[in-house]
Amino acid sequence: MIKNNIKSLMEAQGLTRYRLWKDTKLNRETAYRLYDDPDYIPSKSVMECLWKTYRWQPAQYIFCIPEELTQQAV
């Protein structure tokens, strides 16, 4: 299961989803979804925007939970 942890990354830096939207100049819906929905995986262009704005590597906000661990949680 692939997830994003943008919200945790932003909160650790004291940044809000509004700040994400304003800093990146992404579409508001995209910025807010990226912040609010850990199942949302950004497109290449959004990843490039995050790099240009915050210098975040994709490995800083995209991670994988092994399937066997997600099945144990059920």
PDB file of N, CA and C in Angstrom:
ATOM      1  N   MET A   1       0.849  -1.163   0.000  1.00  0.00           N
ATOM      2  CA  MET A   1       0.000   0.000   0.000  1.00  0.00           C
ATOM      3  C   MET A   1       0.901   1.235   0.000  1.00  0.00           C
ATOM      4  N   ILE A   2       0.764   2.081  -0.983  1.00  0.00           N
ATOM      5  CA  ILE A   2       1.566   3.295  -1.099  1.00  0.00           C
ATOM      6  C   ILE A   2       0.765   4.468  -0.546  1.00  0.00           C
ATOM      7  N   LYS A   3       1.423   5.278   0.265  1.00  0.00           N
ATOM      8  CA  LYS A   3       0.782   6.421   0.936  1.00  0.00           C
ATOM      9  C   LYS A   3       1.666   7.654   0.833  1.00  0.00           C
ATOM     10  N   ASN A   4       1.095   8.804   1.196  1.00  0.00           N
ATOM     11  CA  ASN A   4       1.900  10.017   1.335  1.00  0.00           C
ATOM     12  C   ASN A   4       1.781  10.501   2.779  1.00  0.00           C
ATOM     13  N   ASN A   5       2.820  11.159   3.247  1.00  0.00           N
ATOM     14  CA  ASN A   5       2.785  11.728   4.590  1.00  0.00           C
ATOM     15  C   ASN A   5       3.047  13.233   4.557  1.00  0.00           C
ATOM     16  N   ILE A   6       2.493  13.890   3.547  1.00  0.00           N
ATOM     17  CA  ILE A   6       2.653  15.333   3.386  1.00  0.00           C
ATOM     18  C   ILE A   6       2.183  16.067   4.644  1.00  0.00           C
ATOM     19  N   LYS A   7       1.037  15.673   5.186  1.00  0.00           N
ATOM     20  CA  LYS A   7       0.497  16.360   6.357  1.00  0.00           C
ATOM     21  C   LYS A   7       1.486  16.318   7.525  1.00  0.00           C
ATOM     22  N   SER A   8       2.049  15.163   7.806  1.00  0.00           N
ATOM     23  CA  SER A   8       3.020  15.037   8.897  1.00  0.00           C
ATOM     24  C   SER A   8       4.258  15.871   8.627  1.00  0.00           C
ATOM     25  N   LEU A   9       4.725  15.841   7.397  1.00  0.00           N
ATOM     26  CA  LEU A   9       5.901  16.613   7.010  1.00  0.00           C
ATOM     27  C   LEU A   9       5.640  18.111   7.167  1.00  0.00           C
ATOM     28  N   MET A  10       4.483  18.545   6.729  1.00  0.00           N
ATOM     29  CA  MET A  10       4.119  19.960   6.839  1.00  0.00           C
ATOM     30  C   MET A  10       3.966  20.370   8.303  1.00  0.00           C
ATOM     31  N   GLU A  11       3.258  19.558   9.084  1.00  0.00           N
ATOM     32  CA  GLU A  11       3.039  19.881  10.492  1.00  0.00           C
ATOM     33  C   GLU A  11       4.363  19.954  11.258  1.00  0.00           C
ATOM     34  N   ALA A  12       5.302  19.072  10.932  1.00  0.00           N
ATOM     35  CA  ALA A  12       6.609  19.079  11.594  1.00  0.00           C
ATOM     36  C   ALA A  12       7.364  20.384  11.334  1.00  0.00           C
ATOM     37  N   GLN A  13       7.041  21.026  10.210  1.00  0.00           N
ATOM     38  CA  GLN A  13       7.687  22.285   9.864  1.00  0.00           C
ATOM     39  C   GLN A  13       6.804  23.489  10.194  1.00  0.00           C
ATOM     40  N   GLY A  14       5.675  23.225  10.869  1.00  0.00           N
ATOM     41  CA  GLY A  14       4.771  24.301  11.256  1.00  0.00           C
ATOM     42  C   GLY A  14       4.023  24.921  10.091  1.00  0.00           C
ATOM     43  N   LEU A  15       3.784  24.136   9.042  1.00  0.00           N
ATOM     44  CA  LEU A  15       3.114  24.631   7.845  1.00  0.00           C
ATOM     45  C   LEU A  15       1.705  24.053   7.736  1.00  0.00           C
ATOM     46  N   THR A  16       0.798  24.824   7.190  1.00  0.00           N
ATOM     47  CA  THR A  16      -0.597  24.415   7.026  1.00  0.00           C
ATOM     48  C   THR A  16      -0.876  24.041   5.573  1.00  0.00           C
ATOM     49  N   ARG A  17      -2.046  23.471   5.352  1.00  0.00           N
ATOM     50  CA  ARG A  17      -2.426  23.159   3.969  1.00  0.00           C
ATOM     51  C   ARG A  17      -2.626  24.441   3.171  1.00  0.00           C
ATOM     52  N   TYR A  18      -3.073  25.498   3.815  1.00  0.00           N
ATOM     53  CA  TYR A  18      -3.191  26.804   3.141  1.00  0.00           C
ATOM     54  C   TYR A  18      -1.809  27.258   2.671  1.00  0.00           C
ATOM     55  N   ARG A  19      -0.801  27.111   3.523  1.00  0.00           N
ATOM     56  CA  ARG A  19       0.563  27.502   3.179  1.00  0.00           C
ATOM     57  C   ARG A  19       1.077  26.658   2.023  1.00  0.00           C
ATOM     58  N   LEU A  20       0.751  25.347   2.033  1.00  0.00           N
ATOM     59  CA  LEU A  20       1.121  24.471   0.918  1.00  0.00           C
ATOM     60  C   LEU A  20       0.542  25.014  -0.383  1.00  0.00           C
ATOM     61  N   TRP A  21      -0.707  25.365  -0.360  1.00  0.00           N
ATOM     62  CA  TRP A  21      -1.386  25.902  -1.546  1.00  0.00           C
ATOM     63  C   TRP A  21      -0.713  27.186  -2.026  1.00  0.00           C
ATOM     64  N   LYS A  22      -0.492  28.112  -1.105  1.00  0.00           N
ATOM     65  CA  LYS A  22       0.081  29.402  -1.482  1.00  0.00           C
ATOM     66  C   LYS A  22       1.541  29.286  -1.924  1.00  0.00           C
ATOM     67  N   ASP A  23       2.321  28.487  -1.193  1.00  0.00           N
ATOM     68  CA  ASP A  23       3.738  28.346  -1.526  1.00  0.00           C
ATOM     69  C   ASP A  23       3.947  27.684  -2.885  1.00  0.00           C
ATOM     70  N   THR A  24       3.195  26.623  -3.154  1.00  0.00           N
ATOM     71  CA  THR A  24       3.404  25.839  -4.373  1.00  0.00           C
ATOM     72  C   THR A  24       2.677  26.416  -5.583  1.00  0.00           C
ATOM     73  N   LYS A  25       1.639  27.205  -5.335  1.00  0.00           N
ATOM     74  CA  LYS A  25       0.788  27.738  -6.403  1.00  0.00           C
ATOM     75  C   LYS A  25       0.069  26.625  -7.175  1.00  0.00           C
ATOM     76  N   LEU A  26      -0.081  25.455  -6.513  1.00  0.00           N
ATOM     77  CA  LEU A  26      -0.884  24.381  -7.089  1.00  0.00           C
ATOM     78  C   LEU A  26      -2.352  24.785  -7.047  1.00  0.00           C
ATOM     79  N   ASN A  27      -3.163  24.088  -7.803  1.00  0.00           N
ATOM     80  CA  ASN A  27      -4.605  24.233  -7.707  1.00  0.00           C
ATOM     81  C   ASN A  27      -4.991  23.969  -6.247  1.00  0.00           C
ATOM     82  N   ARG A  28      -5.917  24.758  -5.704  1.00  0.00           N
ATOM     83  CA  ARG A  28      -6.279  24.610  -4.295  1.00  0.00           C
ATOM     84  C   ARG A  28      -6.762  23.204  -3.967  1.00  0.00           C
ATOM     85  N   GLU A  29      -7.587  22.628  -4.831  1.00  0.00           N
ATOM     86  CA  GLU A  29      -8.101  21.285  -4.583  1.00  0.00           C
ATOM     87  C   GLU A  29      -6.962  20.263  -4.528  1.00  0.00           C
ATOM     88  N   THR A  30      -5.989  20.410  -5.405  1.00  0.00           N
ATOM     89  CA  THR A  30      -4.844  19.494  -5.424  1.00  0.00           C
ATOM     90  C   THR A  30      -4.028  19.634  -4.151  1.00  0.00           C
ATOM     91  N   ALA A  31      -3.715  20.853  -3.762  1.00  0.00           N
ATOM     92  CA  ALA A  31      -2.913  21.093  -2.558  1.00  0.00           C
ATOM     93  C   ALA A  31      -3.625  20.559  -1.316  1.00  0.00           C
ATOM     94  N   TYR A  32      -4.913  20.833  -1.198  1.00  0.00           N
ATOM     95  CA  TYR A  32      -5.655  20.384  -0.013  1.00  0.00           C
ATOM     96  C   TYR A  32      -5.810  18.866   0.000  1.00  0.00           C
ATOM     97  N   ARG A  33      -6.026  18.271  -1.166  1.00  0.00           N
ATOM     98  CA  ARG A  33      -6.144  16.811  -1.219  1.00  0.00           C
ATOM     99  C   ARG A  33      -4.821  16.158  -0.858  1.00  0.00           C
ATOM    100  N   LEU A  34      -3.732  16.719  -1.360  1.00  0.00           N
ATOM    101  CA  LEU A  34      -2.408  16.201  -1.047  1.00  0.00           C
ATOM    102  C   LEU A  34      -2.157  16.223   0.454  1.00  0.00           C
ATOM    103  N   TYR A  35      -2.599  17.280   1.102  1.00  0.00           N
ATOM    104  CA  TYR A  35      -2.426  17.439   2.550  1.00  0.00           C
ATOM    105  C   TYR A  35      -3.369  16.524   3.333  1.00  0.00           C
ATOM    106  N   ASP A  36      -4.606  16.436   2.912  1.00  0.00           N
ATOM    107  CA  ASP A  36      -5.646  15.734   3.675  1.00  0.00           C
ATOM    108  C   ASP A  36      -5.775  14.240   3.393  1.00  0.00           C
ATOM    109  N   ASP A  37      -5.373  13.790   2.221  1.00  0.00           N
ATOM    110  CA  ASP A  37      -5.636  12.411   1.802  1.00  0.00           C
ATOM    111  C   ASP A  37      -4.337  11.616   1.651  1.00  0.00           C
ATOM    112  N   PRO A  38      -3.980  10.793   2.633  1.00  0.00           N
ATOM    113  CA  PRO A  38      -2.733  10.038   2.537  1.00  0.00           C
ATOM    114  C   PRO A  38      -2.724   9.001   1.405  1.00  0.00           C
ATOM    115  N   ASP A  39      -3.875   8.700   0.837  1.00  0.00           N
ATOM    116  CA  ASP A  39      -3.932   7.766  -0.292  1.00  0.00           C
ATOM    117  C   ASP A  39      -3.666   8.454  -1.632  1.00  0.00           C
ATOM    118  N   TYR A  40      -3.645   9.783  -1.635  1.00  0.00           N
ATOM    119  CA  TYR A  40      -3.409  10.529  -2.870  1.00  0.00           C
ATOM    120  C   TYR A  40      -1.914  10.554  -3.172  1.00  0.00           C
ATOM    121  N   ILE A  41      -1.544  10.014  -4.317  1.00  0.00           N
ATOM    122  CA  ILE A  41      -0.153  10.008  -4.757  1.00  0.00           C
ATOM    123  C   ILE A  41      -0.017  11.060  -5.853  1.00  0.00           C
ATOM    124  N   PRO A  42       0.861  12.034  -5.617  1.00  0.00           N
ATOM    125  CA  PRO A  42       0.962  13.141  -6.570  1.00  0.00           C
ATOM    126  C   PRO A  42       1.552  12.727  -7.914  1.00  0.00           C
ATOM    127  N   SER A  43       1.183  13.479  -8.922  1.00  0.00           N
ATOM    128  CA  SER A  43       1.727  13.262 -10.264  1.00  0.00           C
ATOM    129  C   SER A  43       3.163  13.785 -10.319  1.00  0.00           C
ATOM    130  N   LYS A  44       3.813  13.485 -11.414  1.00  0.00           N
ATOM    131  CA  LYS A  44       5.189  13.938 -11.609  1.00  0.00           C
ATOM    132  C   LYS A  44       5.272  15.465 -11.523  1.00  0.00           C
ATOM    133  N   SER A  45       4.336  16.165 -12.135  1.00  0.00           N
ATOM    134  CA  SER A  45       4.389  17.627 -12.127  1.00  0.00           C
ATOM    135  C   SER A  45       4.212  18.187 -10.710  1.00  0.00           C
ATOM    136  N   VAL A  46       3.375  17.542  -9.900  1.00  0.00           N
ATOM    137  CA  VAL A  46       3.202  17.976  -8.508  1.00  0.00           C
ATOM    138  C   VAL A  46       4.474  17.685  -7.721  1.00  0.00           C
ATOM    139  N   MET A  47       5.077  16.522  -7.947  1.00  0.00           N
ATOM    140  CA  MET A  47       6.336  16.197  -7.270  1.00  0.00           C
ATOM    141  C   MET A  47       7.420  17.210  -7.631  1.00  0.00           C
ATOM    142  N   GLU A  48       7.464  17.605  -8.887  1.00  0.00           N
ATOM    143  CA  GLU A  48       8.440  18.610  -9.312  1.00  0.00           C
ATOM    144  C   GLU A  48       8.176  19.947  -8.627  1.00  0.00           C
ATOM    145  N   CYS A  49       6.921  20.278  -8.458  1.00  0.00           N
ATOM    146  CA  CYS A  49       6.547  21.509  -7.768  1.00  0.00           C
ATOM    147  C   CYS A  49       6.987  21.457  -6.297  1.00  0.00           C
ATOM    148  N   LEU A  50       6.780  20.323  -5.650  1.00  0.00           N
ATOM    149  CA  LEU A  50       7.215  20.169  -4.260  1.00  0.00           C
ATOM    150  C   LEU A  50       8.730  20.280  -4.152  1.00  0.00           C
ATOM    151  N   TRP A  51       9.443  19.756  -5.148  1.00  0.00           N
ATOM    152  CA  TRP A  51      10.896  19.862  -5.159  1.00  0.00           C
ATOM    153  C   TRP A  51      11.325  21.324  -5.302  1.00  0.00           C
ATOM    154  N   LYS A  52      10.735  22.018  -6.262  1.00  0.00           N
ATOM    155  CA  LYS A  52      11.108  23.419  -6.497  1.00  0.00           C
ATOM    156  C   LYS A  52      10.779  24.311  -5.303  1.00  0.00           C
ATOM    157  N   THR A  53       9.677  24.019  -4.633  1.00  0.00           N
ATOM    158  CA  THR A  53       9.233  24.861  -3.526  1.00  0.00           C
ATOM    159  C   THR A  53       9.948  24.546  -2.219  1.00  0.00           C
ATOM    160  N   TYR A  54      10.004  23.271  -1.867  1.00  0.00           N
ATOM    161  CA  TYR A  54      10.515  22.879  -0.546  1.00  0.00           C
ATOM    162  C   TYR A  54      11.805  22.062  -0.596  1.00  0.00           C
ATOM    163  N   ARG A  55      12.238  21.660  -1.812  1.00  0.00           N
ATOM    164  CA  ARG A  55      13.407  20.792  -1.970  1.00  0.00           C
ATOM    165  C   ARG A  55      13.199  19.430  -1.308  1.00  0.00           C
ATOM    166  N   TRP A  56      11.952  18.941  -1.371  1.00  0.00           N
ATOM    167  CA  TRP A  56      11.624  17.625  -0.831  1.00  0.00           C
ATOM    168  C   TRP A  56      11.815  16.569  -1.908  1.00  0.00           C
ATOM    169  N   GLN A  57      12.553  15.531  -1.564  1.00  0.00           N
ATOM    170  CA  GLN A  57      12.679  14.364  -2.420  1.00  0.00           C
ATOM    171  C   GLN A  57      11.404  13.532  -2.256  1.00  0.00           C
ATOM    172  N   PRO A  58      10.946  12.837  -3.301  1.00  0.00           N
ATOM    173  CA  PRO A  58       9.749  12.006  -3.161  1.00  0.00           C
ATOM    174  C   PRO A  58       9.831  11.011  -2.005  1.00  0.00           C
ATOM    175  N   ALA A  59      11.010  10.501  -1.721  1.00  0.00           N
ATOM    176  CA  ALA A  59      11.158   9.536  -0.618  1.00  0.00           C
ATOM    177  C   ALA A  59      10.863  10.161   0.738  1.00  0.00           C
ATOM    178  N   GLN A  60      10.803  11.481   0.811  1.00  0.00           N
ATOM    179  CA  GLN A  60      10.470  12.151   2.069  1.00  0.00           C
ATOM    180  C   GLN A  60       8.967  12.141   2.342  1.00  0.00           C
ATOM    181  N   TYR A  61       8.156  11.970   1.303  1.00  0.00           N
ATOM    182  CA  TYR A  61       6.707  12.037   1.509  1.00  0.00           C
ATOM    183  C   TYR A  61       5.920  10.891   0.892  1.00  0.00           C
ATOM    184  N   ILE A  62       6.590   9.975   0.211  1.00  0.00           N
ATOM    185  CA  ILE A  62       5.922   8.787  -0.335  1.00  0.00           C
ATOM    186  C   ILE A  62       6.539   7.569   0.351  1.00  0.00           C
ATOM    187  N   PHE A  63       5.703   6.676   0.854  1.00  0.00           N
ATOM    188  CA  PHE A  63       6.212   5.476   1.498  1.00  0.00           C
ATOM    189  C   PHE A  63       5.279   4.305   1.211  1.00  0.00           C
ATOM    190  N   CYS A  64       5.780   3.128   1.476  1.00  0.00           N
ATOM    191  CA  CYS A  64       5.022   1.912   1.205  1.00  0.00           C
ATOM    192  C   CYS A  64       4.860   1.116   2.484  1.00  0.00           C
ATOM    193  N   ILE A  65       3.658   0.643   2.722  1.00  0.00           N
ATOM    194  CA  ILE A  65       3.380  -0.262   3.830  1.00  0.00           C
ATOM    195  C   ILE A  65       3.239  -1.649   3.217  1.00  0.00           C
ATOM    196  N   PRO A  66       4.090  -2.597   3.617  1.00  0.00           N
ATOM    197  CA  PRO A  66       3.993  -3.945   3.042  1.00  0.00           C
ATOM    198  C   PRO A  66       2.596  -4.535   3.226  1.00  0.00           C
ATOM    199  N   GLU A  67       2.150  -5.239   2.214  1.00  0.00           N
ATOM    200  CA  GLU A  67       0.798  -5.816   2.212  1.00  0.00           C
ATOM    201  C   GLU A  67       0.540  -6.695   3.424  1.00  0.00           C
ATOM    202  N   GLU A  68       1.535  -7.468   3.836  1.00  0.00           N
ATOM    203  CA  GLU A  68       1.336  -8.363   4.976  1.00  0.00           C
ATOM    204  C   GLU A  68       1.055  -7.574   6.270  1.00  0.00           C
ATOM    205  N   LEU A  69       1.568  -6.378   6.368  1.00  0.00           N
ATOM    206  CA  LEU A  69       1.280  -5.559   7.556  1.00  0.00           C
ATOM    207  C   LEU A  69      -0.133  -4.976   7.505  1.00  0.00           C
ATOM    208  N   THR A  70      -0.610  -4.646   6.323  1.00  0.00           N
ATOM    209  CA  THR A  70      -1.969  -4.097   6.220  1.00  0.00           C
ATOM    210  C   THR A  70      -3.006  -5.194   6.459  1.00  0.00           C
ATOM    211  N   GLN A  71      -2.699  -6.423   6.110  1.00  0.00           N
ATOM    212  CA  GLN A  71      -3.625  -7.529   6.342  1.00  0.00           C
ATOM    213  C   GLN A  71      -3.704  -7.890   7.810  1.00  0.00           C
ATOM    214  N   GLN A  72      -2.621  -7.707   8.557  1.00  0.00           N
ATOM    215  CA  GLN A  72      -2.614  -7.995   9.978  1.00  0.00           C
ATOM    216  C   GLN A  72      -3.479  -7.019  10.749  1.00  0.00           C
ATOM    217  N   ALA A  73      -3.605  -5.801  10.229  1.00  0.00           N
ATOM    218  CA  ALA A  73      -4.383  -4.767  10.913  1.00  0.00           C
ATOM    219  C   ALA A  73      -5.887  -5.001  10.798  1.00  0.00           C
ATOM    220  N   VAL A  74      -6.305  -5.841   9.849  1.00  0.00           N
ATOM    221  CA  VAL A  74      -7.735  -6.073   9.627  1.00  0.00           C
ATOM    222  C   VAL A  74      -8.327  -6.998  10.634  1.00  0.00           C
TER     223      VAL A  74
END
